[in-house]
Amino acid sequence: MTQHASLTPERWTRFSLDQQVLMVANEMNRASKLLGDEDLDALRRTYERVLRLLDLTVTTQPRRGLRRELLRWRDLVATLYIAPQADAASHAEAFRCLLRFTPAASSQIPHLMP
């Protein structure tokens, strides 16, 4: 069972979109720290948590256009997840893209991105 498996859509909707994106970003930040490790399984588990939280966000998002963009971003993470090896550059691009979804998340770019 993954860390967020018991998180329900009802509970997830109690968080603002800013909070939801920042929680997904928190998992991406954890993944950033695993890129240098040789433990690809740990990195994949982190991407699984990213995908789980993103799926909750998409499921509970009433705005169709935002859902579409979130699903496009999901494809980026899915590509990272199935990659045969860690790709730090692609991870950084996907992470930066995620942080652009909301103003609160964008304000974290100087602190999280080199």
C-alpha atoms as a PDB file:
ATOM      1  CA  MET A   1       0.000   0.000   0.000  1.00  0.00           C
ATOM      2  CA  THR A   2       1.376   3.390  -0.961  1.00  0.00           C
ATOM      3  CA  GLN A   3       1.681   6.258   1.461  1.00  0.00           C
ATOM      4  CA  HIS A   4      -1.324   8.111   0.033  1.00  0.00           C
ATOM      5  CA  ALA A   5      -3.529   5.100  -0.725  1.00  0.00           C
ATOM      6  CA  SER A   6      -6.006   5.942   2.026  1.00  0.00           C
ATOM      7  CA  LEU A   7      -6.354   9.591   0.963  1.00  0.00           C
ATOM      8  CA  THR A   8      -9.858  10.010  -0.385  1.00  0.00           C
ATOM      9  CA  PRO A   9     -11.038  12.469  -3.043  1.00  0.00           C
ATOM     10  CA  GLU A  10     -13.366  13.983  -0.447  1.00  0.00           C
ATOM     11  CA  ARG A  11     -10.460  14.764   1.862  1.00  0.00           C
ATOM     12  CA  TRP A  12      -8.285  15.941  -1.031  1.00  0.00           C
ATOM     13  CA  THR A  13     -10.892  18.528  -2.068  1.00  0.00           C
ATOM     14  CA  ARG A  14     -10.538  20.195   1.327  1.00  0.00           C
ATOM     15  CA  PHE A  15      -7.138  21.447   0.174  1.00  0.00           C
ATOM     16  CA  SER A  16      -6.875  24.416  -2.155  1.00  0.00           C
ATOM     17  CA  LEU A  17      -5.348  23.934  -5.585  1.00  0.00           C
ATOM     18  CA  ASP A  18      -2.228  25.731  -4.313  1.00  0.00           C
ATOM     19  CA  GLN A  19      -1.925  23.235  -1.472  1.00  0.00           C
ATOM     20  CA  GLN A  20      -2.537  20.270  -3.759  1.00  0.00           C
ATOM     21  CA  VAL A  21       0.136  21.375  -6.226  1.00  0.00           C
ATOM     22  CA  LEU A  22       2.575  22.068  -3.381  1.00  0.00           C
ATOM     23  CA  MET A  23       1.996  18.574  -1.969  1.00  0.00           C
ATOM     24  CA  VAL A  24       2.715  17.056  -5.380  1.00  0.00           C
ATOM     25  CA  ALA A  25       5.784  19.311  -5.573  1.00  0.00           C
ATOM     26  CA  ASN A  26       6.916  18.016  -2.190  1.00  0.00           C
ATOM     27  CA  GLU A  27       7.011  14.494  -3.614  1.00  0.00           C
ATOM     28  CA  MET A  28       8.859  15.744  -6.703  1.00  0.00           C
ATOM     29  CA  ASN A  29      11.378  17.386  -4.396  1.00  0.00           C
ATOM     30  CA  ARG A  30      11.845  14.059  -2.611  1.00  0.00           C
ATOM     31  CA  ALA A  31      12.423  12.442  -5.985  1.00  0.00           C
ATOM     32  CA  SER A  32      15.053  15.097  -6.770  1.00  0.00           C
ATOM     33  CA  LYS A  33      17.070  13.892  -3.803  1.00  0.00           C
ATOM     34  CA  LEU A  34      16.976  10.302  -5.111  1.00  0.00           C
ATOM     35  CA  LEU A  35      18.258  11.071  -8.609  1.00  0.00           C
ATOM     36  CA  GLY A  36      21.892  10.510  -7.641  1.00  0.00           C
ATOM     37  CA  ASP A  37      21.182   7.272  -5.810  1.00  0.00           C
ATOM     38  CA  GLU A  38      21.482   3.917  -7.434  1.00  0.00           C
ATOM     39  CA  ASP A  39      18.143   2.875  -5.949  1.00  0.00           C
ATOM     40  CA  LEU A  40      15.825   3.224  -8.937  1.00  0.00           C
ATOM     41  CA  ASP A  41      13.077   1.424  -6.996  1.00  0.00           C
ATOM     42  CA  ALA A  42      12.987   4.175  -4.347  1.00  0.00           C
ATOM     43  CA  LEU A  43      12.766   6.793  -7.083  1.00  0.00           C
ATOM     44  CA  ARG A  44       9.915   4.921  -8.752  1.00  0.00           C
ATOM     45  CA  ARG A  45       8.033   4.650  -5.458  1.00  0.00           C
ATOM     46  CA  THR A  46       8.313   8.420  -5.123  1.00  0.00           C
ATOM     47  CA  TYR A  47       7.000   8.890  -8.668  1.00  0.00           C
ATOM     48  CA  GLU A  48       4.118   6.555  -7.753  1.00  0.00           C
ATOM     49  CA  ARG A  49       3.211   8.922  -4.913  1.00  0.00           C
ATOM     50  CA  VAL A  50       3.421  11.868  -7.317  1.00  0.00           C
ATOM     51  CA  LEU A  51       1.090  10.088  -9.731  1.00  0.00           C
ATOM     52  CA  ARG A  52      -1.342   9.150  -6.942  1.00  0.00           C
ATOM     53  CA  LEU A  53      -1.625  12.737  -5.705  1.00  0.00           C
ATOM     54  CA  LEU A  54      -1.897  14.049  -9.235  1.00  0.00           C
ATOM     55  CA  ASP A  55      -4.667  11.556 -10.011  1.00  0.00           C
ATOM     56  CA  LEU A  56      -6.576  12.850  -6.984  1.00  0.00           C
ATOM     57  CA  THR A  57      -6.084  16.407  -8.195  1.00  0.00           C
ATOM     58  CA  VAL A  58      -7.328  15.572 -11.685  1.00  0.00           C
ATOM     59  CA  THR A  59     -10.283  13.596 -10.351  1.00  0.00           C
ATOM     60  CA  THR A  60     -11.428  16.419  -8.100  1.00  0.00           C
ATOM     61  CA  GLN A  61     -10.649  19.327 -10.442  1.00  0.00           C
ATOM     62  CA  PRO A  62     -13.820  20.940 -11.810  1.00  0.00           C
ATOM     63  CA  ARG A  63     -11.993  23.100 -14.383  1.00  0.00           C
ATOM     64  CA  ARG A  64     -11.754  21.141 -17.632  1.00  0.00           C
ATOM     65  CA  GLY A  65      -8.827  23.103 -19.085  1.00  0.00           C
ATOM     66  CA  LEU A  66      -6.757  22.657 -15.936  1.00  0.00           C
ATOM     67  CA  ARG A  67      -7.581  18.936 -15.861  1.00  0.00           C
ATOM     68  CA  ARG A  68      -6.276  18.660 -19.418  1.00  0.00           C
ATOM     69  CA  GLU A  69      -3.008  20.408 -18.521  1.00  0.00           C
ATOM     70  CA  LEU A  70      -2.571  18.311 -15.392  1.00  0.00           C
ATOM     71  CA  LEU A  71      -3.023  15.154 -17.475  1.00  0.00           C
ATOM     72  CA  ARG A  72      -0.393  16.387 -19.923  1.00  0.00           C
ATOM     73  CA  TRP A  73       1.966  16.929 -17.014  1.00  0.00           C
ATOM     74  CA  ARG A  74       1.089  13.463 -15.736  1.00  0.00           C
ATOM     75  CA  ASP A  75       2.439  12.045 -19.001  1.00  0.00           C
ATOM     76  CA  LEU A  76       5.811  13.664 -18.216  1.00  0.00           C
ATOM     77  CA  VAL A  77       5.967  11.953 -14.830  1.00  0.00           C
ATOM     78  CA  ALA A  78       4.782   8.645 -16.272  1.00  0.00           C
ATOM     79  CA  THR A  79       7.661   8.834 -18.747  1.00  0.00           C
ATOM     80  CA  LEU A  80      10.090   9.429 -15.880  1.00  0.00           C
ATOM     81  CA  TYR A  81       8.533   6.529 -13.987  1.00  0.00           C
ATOM     82  CA  ILE A  82       9.027   3.964 -16.762  1.00  0.00           C
ATOM     83  CA  ALA A  83      12.472   5.207 -17.826  1.00  0.00           C
ATOM     84  CA  PRO A  84      15.195   2.562 -17.523  1.00  0.00           C
ATOM     85  CA  GLN A  85      17.384   5.016 -15.591  1.00  0.00           C
ATOM     86  CA  ALA A  86      17.008   8.299 -13.740  1.00  0.00           C
ATOM     87  CA  ASP A  87      17.071  11.399 -15.930  1.00  0.00           C
ATOM     88  CA  ALA A  88      17.919  14.450 -13.823  1.00  0.00           C
ATOM     89  CA  ALA A  89      17.432  16.956 -16.646  1.00  0.00           C
ATOM     90  CA  SER A  90      13.971  15.677 -17.573  1.00  0.00           C
ATOM     91  CA  HIS A  91      13.018  15.521 -13.909  1.00  0.00           C
ATOM     92  CA  ALA A  92      14.062  19.149 -13.404  1.00  0.00           C
ATOM     93  CA  GLU A  93      12.060  20.266 -16.451  1.00  0.00           C
ATOM     94  CA  ALA A  94       8.957  18.425 -15.232  1.00  0.00           C
ATOM     95  CA  PHE A  95       9.396  19.783 -11.711  1.00  0.00           C
ATOM     96  CA  ARG A  96       9.723  23.372 -12.963  1.00  0.00           C
ATOM     97  CA  CYS A  97       6.631  22.901 -15.126  1.00  0.00           C
ATOM     98  CA  LEU A  98       4.633  21.665 -12.123  1.00  0.00           C
ATOM     99  CA  LEU A  99       5.687  24.662 -10.079  1.00  0.00           C
ATOM    100  CA  ARG A 100       4.259  26.957 -12.766  1.00  0.00           C
ATOM    101  CA  PHE A 101       0.687  25.704 -12.231  1.00  0.00           C
ATOM    102  CA  THR A 102      -0.136  28.118  -9.401  1.00  0.00           C
ATOM    103  CA  PRO A 103       1.283  31.406  -8.092  1.00  0.00           C
ATOM    104  CA  ALA A 104       2.042  29.889  -4.676  1.00  0.00           C
ATOM    105  CA  ALA A 105       3.972  27.042  -6.279  1.00  0.00           C
ATOM    106  CA  SER A 106       5.760  29.419  -8.673  1.00  0.00           C
ATOM    107  CA  SER A 107       7.064  31.374  -5.710  1.00  0.00           C
ATOM    108  CA  GLN A 108       8.984  28.241  -4.666  1.00  0.00           C
ATOM    109  CA  ILE A 109      11.048  28.045  -7.875  1.00  0.00           C
ATOM    110  CA  PRO A 110      13.960  30.159  -6.584  1.00  0.00           C
ATOM    111  CA  HIS A 111      14.171  27.960  -3.491  1.00  0.00           C
ATOM    112  CA  LEU A 112      13.884  24.574  -5.196  1.00  0.00           C
ATOM    113  CA  MET A 113      15.452  24.959  -8.607  1.00  0.00           C
ATOM    114  CA  PRO A 114      19.147  25.644  -9.178  1.00  0.00           C
END
